[in-house]
Amino acid sequence: MEGLGKCQVCKKNESYIRFDRNPLCLDCYNEMMAKQLGVTATSYLEGVAIKDGQGKVHQFRLRKRLDPIGIIMDVEEETEGGYQFREYGELHGDQGDLLLRLLAKAENGMSEAYIEEGKFPNGQTYHLLPNDRLARRVEPSGEDRDIPVLVVNGKQYSWDEVGRMLMHYEGFQVQMEMVDL
């Protein structure tokens, strides 16, 4: 929920969440929820660098949100349309353990390159699925929020692009499964 303007409480940070019709930054929201829920939010780094399976370093922003149903922690790559991972924890659970689970999830999710890009001798680009698998997240397209894109290896692909990749498998069966890896 980015782009809500300045926080109505501290008046300095960009708001992240709308609570009771007021845009709040994550710090002010978490402080308010900590008081209401009787939970202390432990502090942690706001950013982290994680290497993918090919050795490329990706910069992530870490966020933790206290919620009546539990603690929600996520990492989001600082590049538009990049990797995103989320982990949920118990409200009174070990927040350090939650962070470690989230980082392990991110490392695991970035370990395999699902799409390999190359160029033919004439310069034309091609895409392959080196392990005959395709996994990652569905999100709305920037142009039309009703048309999804797939974000694979930290890059957005349209359904047309995915369809062209799948044409290498003409005649094969396809199995689609929606999961949180």
Protein backbone atom coordinates (compact mmCIF):
# COMPACT_ATOMS: atom_id res chain seq x y z
CA MET A 1 0.00 0.00 0.00
CA GLU A 2 2.75 2.42 -0.93
CA GLY A 3 1.99 5.96 -1.96
CA LEU A 4 -0.37 6.99 0.84
CA GLY A 5 1.61 10.14 1.68
CA LYS A 6 3.12 11.09 5.04
CA CYS A 7 2.29 9.27 8.26
CA GLN A 8 -0.53 10.96 10.18
CA VAL A 9 1.19 10.29 13.53
CA CYS A 10 4.89 11.18 13.13
CA LYS A 11 4.35 13.44 10.08
CA LYS A 12 7.81 12.53 8.71
CA ASN A 13 7.89 8.95 7.39
CA GLU A 14 6.10 7.74 4.27
CA SER A 15 2.95 5.86 5.19
CA TYR A 16 2.84 2.15 4.57
CA ILE A 17 -0.52 1.05 5.89
CA ARG A 18 -3.98 2.53 6.33
CA PHE A 19 -5.34 1.95 9.83
CA ASP A 20 -8.73 3.29 10.92
CA ARG A 21 -8.72 5.48 7.77
CA ASN A 22 -5.38 7.06 8.72
CA PRO A 23 -2.22 6.48 6.70
CA LEU A 24 0.57 5.37 9.05
CA CYS A 25 4.22 4.50 8.66
CA LEU A 26 5.21 1.01 9.72
CA ASP A 27 7.04 2.27 12.84
CA CYS A 28 4.00 4.15 14.17
CA TYR A 29 1.63 1.31 13.28
CA ASN A 30 3.83 -1.28 15.01
CA GLU A 31 4.20 0.94 18.08
CA MET A 32 0.44 1.31 18.33
CA MET A 33 -0.14 -2.44 17.81
CA ALA A 34 2.58 -3.34 20.34
CA LYS A 35 0.69 -1.35 22.99
CA GLN A 36 -2.69 -2.84 22.06
CA LEU A 37 -1.42 -6.42 21.82
CA GLY A 38 1.09 -6.38 24.66
CA VAL A 39 3.90 -7.49 22.37
CA THR A 40 7.37 -6.02 22.12
CA ALA A 41 8.67 -5.74 18.58
CA THR A 42 12.35 -6.64 18.52
CA SER A 43 14.44 -4.50 16.22
CA TYR A 44 16.46 -5.83 13.33
CA LEU A 45 18.28 -4.52 10.29
CA GLU A 46 16.16 -2.68 7.74
CA GLY A 47 18.01 -4.18 4.79
CA VAL A 48 19.91 -7.27 3.82
CA ALA A 49 21.89 -8.57 0.83
CA ILE A 50 21.23 -12.13 -0.35
CA LYS A 51 23.03 -14.05 -3.12
CA ASP A 52 21.00 -16.02 -5.63
CA GLY A 53 22.00 -19.46 -6.93
CA GLN A 54 24.13 -17.87 -9.66
CA GLY A 55 26.12 -15.76 -7.18
CA LYS A 56 24.44 -12.43 -7.98
CA VAL A 57 23.84 -10.22 -4.91
CA HIS A 58 20.34 -8.78 -4.43
CA GLN A 59 19.51 -5.94 -2.01
CA PHE A 60 16.33 -6.37 0.05
CA ARG A 61 14.27 -4.17 2.34
CA LEU A 62 13.04 -5.95 5.50
CA ARG A 63 9.69 -5.17 7.06
CA LYS A 64 7.95 -6.53 10.13
CA ARG A 65 4.31 -5.86 10.89
CA LEU A 66 2.57 -6.69 14.16
CA ASP A 67 -0.99 -7.86 13.63
CA PRO A 68 -3.67 -9.34 15.90
CA ILE A 69 -3.32 -12.66 14.03
CA GLY A 70 0.48 -12.78 14.33
CA ILE A 71 3.68 -11.21 13.07
CA ILE A 72 4.17 -10.74 9.35
CA MET A 73 7.74 -10.32 8.15
CA ASP A 74 8.77 -9.82 4.55
CA VAL A 75 11.73 -8.99 2.35
CA GLU A 76 11.26 -7.12 -0.90
CA GLU A 77 13.99 -6.60 -3.44
CA GLU A 78 14.79 -2.93 -3.93
CA THR A 79 14.36 -3.20 -7.71
CA GLU A 80 10.90 -2.83 -9.29
CA GLY A 81 9.19 -6.21 -9.78
CA GLY A 82 12.00 -8.12 -8.05
CA TYR A 83 11.98 -10.95 -5.55
CA GLN A 84 9.55 -10.86 -2.60
CA PHE A 85 9.22 -13.33 0.26
CA ARG A 86 6.93 -13.37 3.30
CA GLU A 87 6.81 -15.42 6.47
CA TYR A 88 4.17 -15.52 9.22
CA GLY A 89 4.83 -16.11 12.90
CA GLU A 90 3.00 -16.44 16.18
CA LEU A 91 2.29 -13.16 17.98
CA HIS A 92 4.28 -14.18 21.04
CA GLY A 93 6.75 -16.36 19.12
CA ASP A 94 10.49 -15.92 18.69
CA GLN A 95 10.93 -13.01 16.26
CA GLY A 96 14.59 -13.88 15.68
CA ASP A 97 13.54 -17.36 14.57
CA LEU A 98 10.92 -15.80 12.28
CA LEU A 99 13.62 -13.67 10.66
CA LEU A 100 15.88 -16.68 10.18
CA ARG A 101 13.00 -18.66 8.59
CA LEU A 102 12.30 -15.74 6.25
CA LEU A 103 15.95 -15.43 5.19
CA ALA A 104 16.17 -19.20 4.62
CA LYS A 105 12.99 -19.02 2.53
CA ALA A 106 14.49 -16.22 0.44
CA GLU A 107 17.79 -18.06 -0.05
CA ASN A 108 15.94 -21.23 -1.05
CA GLY A 109 13.60 -19.31 -3.36
CA MET A 110 16.55 -17.71 -5.14
CA SER A 111 18.68 -20.84 -5.38
CA GLU A 112 17.33 -22.13 -8.70
CA ALA A 113 17.27 -20.27 -12.00
CA TYR A 114 13.96 -21.22 -13.57
CA ILE A 115 14.55 -19.29 -16.78
CA GLU A 116 17.78 -19.22 -18.74
CA GLU A 117 18.18 -16.44 -21.27
CA GLY A 118 20.49 -16.70 -24.25
CA LYS A 119 21.05 -15.32 -27.73
CA PHE A 120 21.08 -17.03 -31.09
CA PRO A 121 23.99 -16.21 -33.42
CA ASN A 122 21.73 -13.70 -35.21
CA GLY A 123 21.26 -11.79 -31.91
CA GLN A 124 17.68 -12.91 -31.25
CA THR A 125 16.99 -13.63 -27.57
CA TYR A 126 15.58 -16.95 -26.43
CA HIS A 127 14.41 -18.27 -23.07
CA LEU A 128 14.63 -21.84 -21.80
CA LEU A 129 13.40 -23.67 -18.72
CA PRO A 130 16.65 -25.51 -17.88
CA ASN A 131 15.07 -27.83 -15.30
CA ASP A 132 11.71 -28.16 -17.10
CA ARG A 133 10.07 -26.29 -14.22
CA LEU A 134 8.70 -22.81 -13.73
CA ALA A 135 7.95 -21.41 -10.29
CA ARG A 136 7.45 -18.01 -8.73
CA ARG A 137 4.89 -15.37 -7.98
CA VAL A 138 1.85 -13.96 -9.75
CA GLU A 139 1.25 -10.22 -9.49
CA PRO A 140 -0.71 -7.55 -11.36
CA SER A 141 0.77 -6.00 -14.47
CA GLY A 142 1.92 -2.40 -14.17
CA GLU A 143 -0.22 -1.32 -17.13
CA ASP A 144 -3.41 -3.26 -16.42
CA ARG A 145 -3.95 -4.53 -12.89
CA ASP A 146 -6.49 -7.08 -14.22
CA ILE A 147 -3.82 -8.85 -16.28
CA PRO A 148 -1.30 -10.83 -14.24
CA VAL A 149 2.41 -11.23 -14.88
CA LEU A 150 4.74 -13.89 -13.52
CA VAL A 151 7.79 -12.73 -11.62
CA VAL A 152 10.50 -15.35 -12.11
CA ASN A 153 14.11 -14.95 -11.01
CA GLY A 154 13.30 -11.38 -9.98
CA LYS A 155 12.07 -10.39 -13.47
CA GLN A 156 8.51 -9.87 -14.78
CA TYR A 157 7.26 -11.99 -17.69
CA SER A 158 3.98 -11.48 -19.53
CA TRP A 159 1.73 -14.42 -20.30
CA ASP A 160 2.74 -14.07 -23.96
CA GLU A 161 6.40 -14.45 -23.01
CA VAL A 162 5.65 -17.45 -20.80
CA GLY A 163 3.57 -18.96 -23.61
CA ARG A 164 6.49 -18.67 -26.04
CA MET A 165 8.75 -20.43 -23.51
CA LEU A 166 6.21 -23.22 -23.13
CA MET A 167 6.04 -23.83 -26.90
CA HIS A 168 9.30 -25.77 -26.51
CA TYR A 169 7.11 -28.31 -24.70
CA GLU A 170 4.43 -28.65 -27.38
CA GLY A 171 2.58 -31.94 -26.84
CA PHE A 172 3.56 -32.22 -23.16
CA GLN A 173 1.10 -32.10 -20.26
CA VAL A 174 1.15 -29.14 -17.86
CA GLN A 175 0.56 -29.24 -14.14
CA MET A 176 -0.16 -25.93 -12.40
CA GLU A 177 -0.18 -25.66 -8.63
CA MET A 178 -0.56 -22.56 -6.44
CA VAL A 179 1.65 -22.72 -3.33
CA ASP A 180 3.70 -20.51 -1.04
CA LEU A 181 7.21 -21.89 -1.42
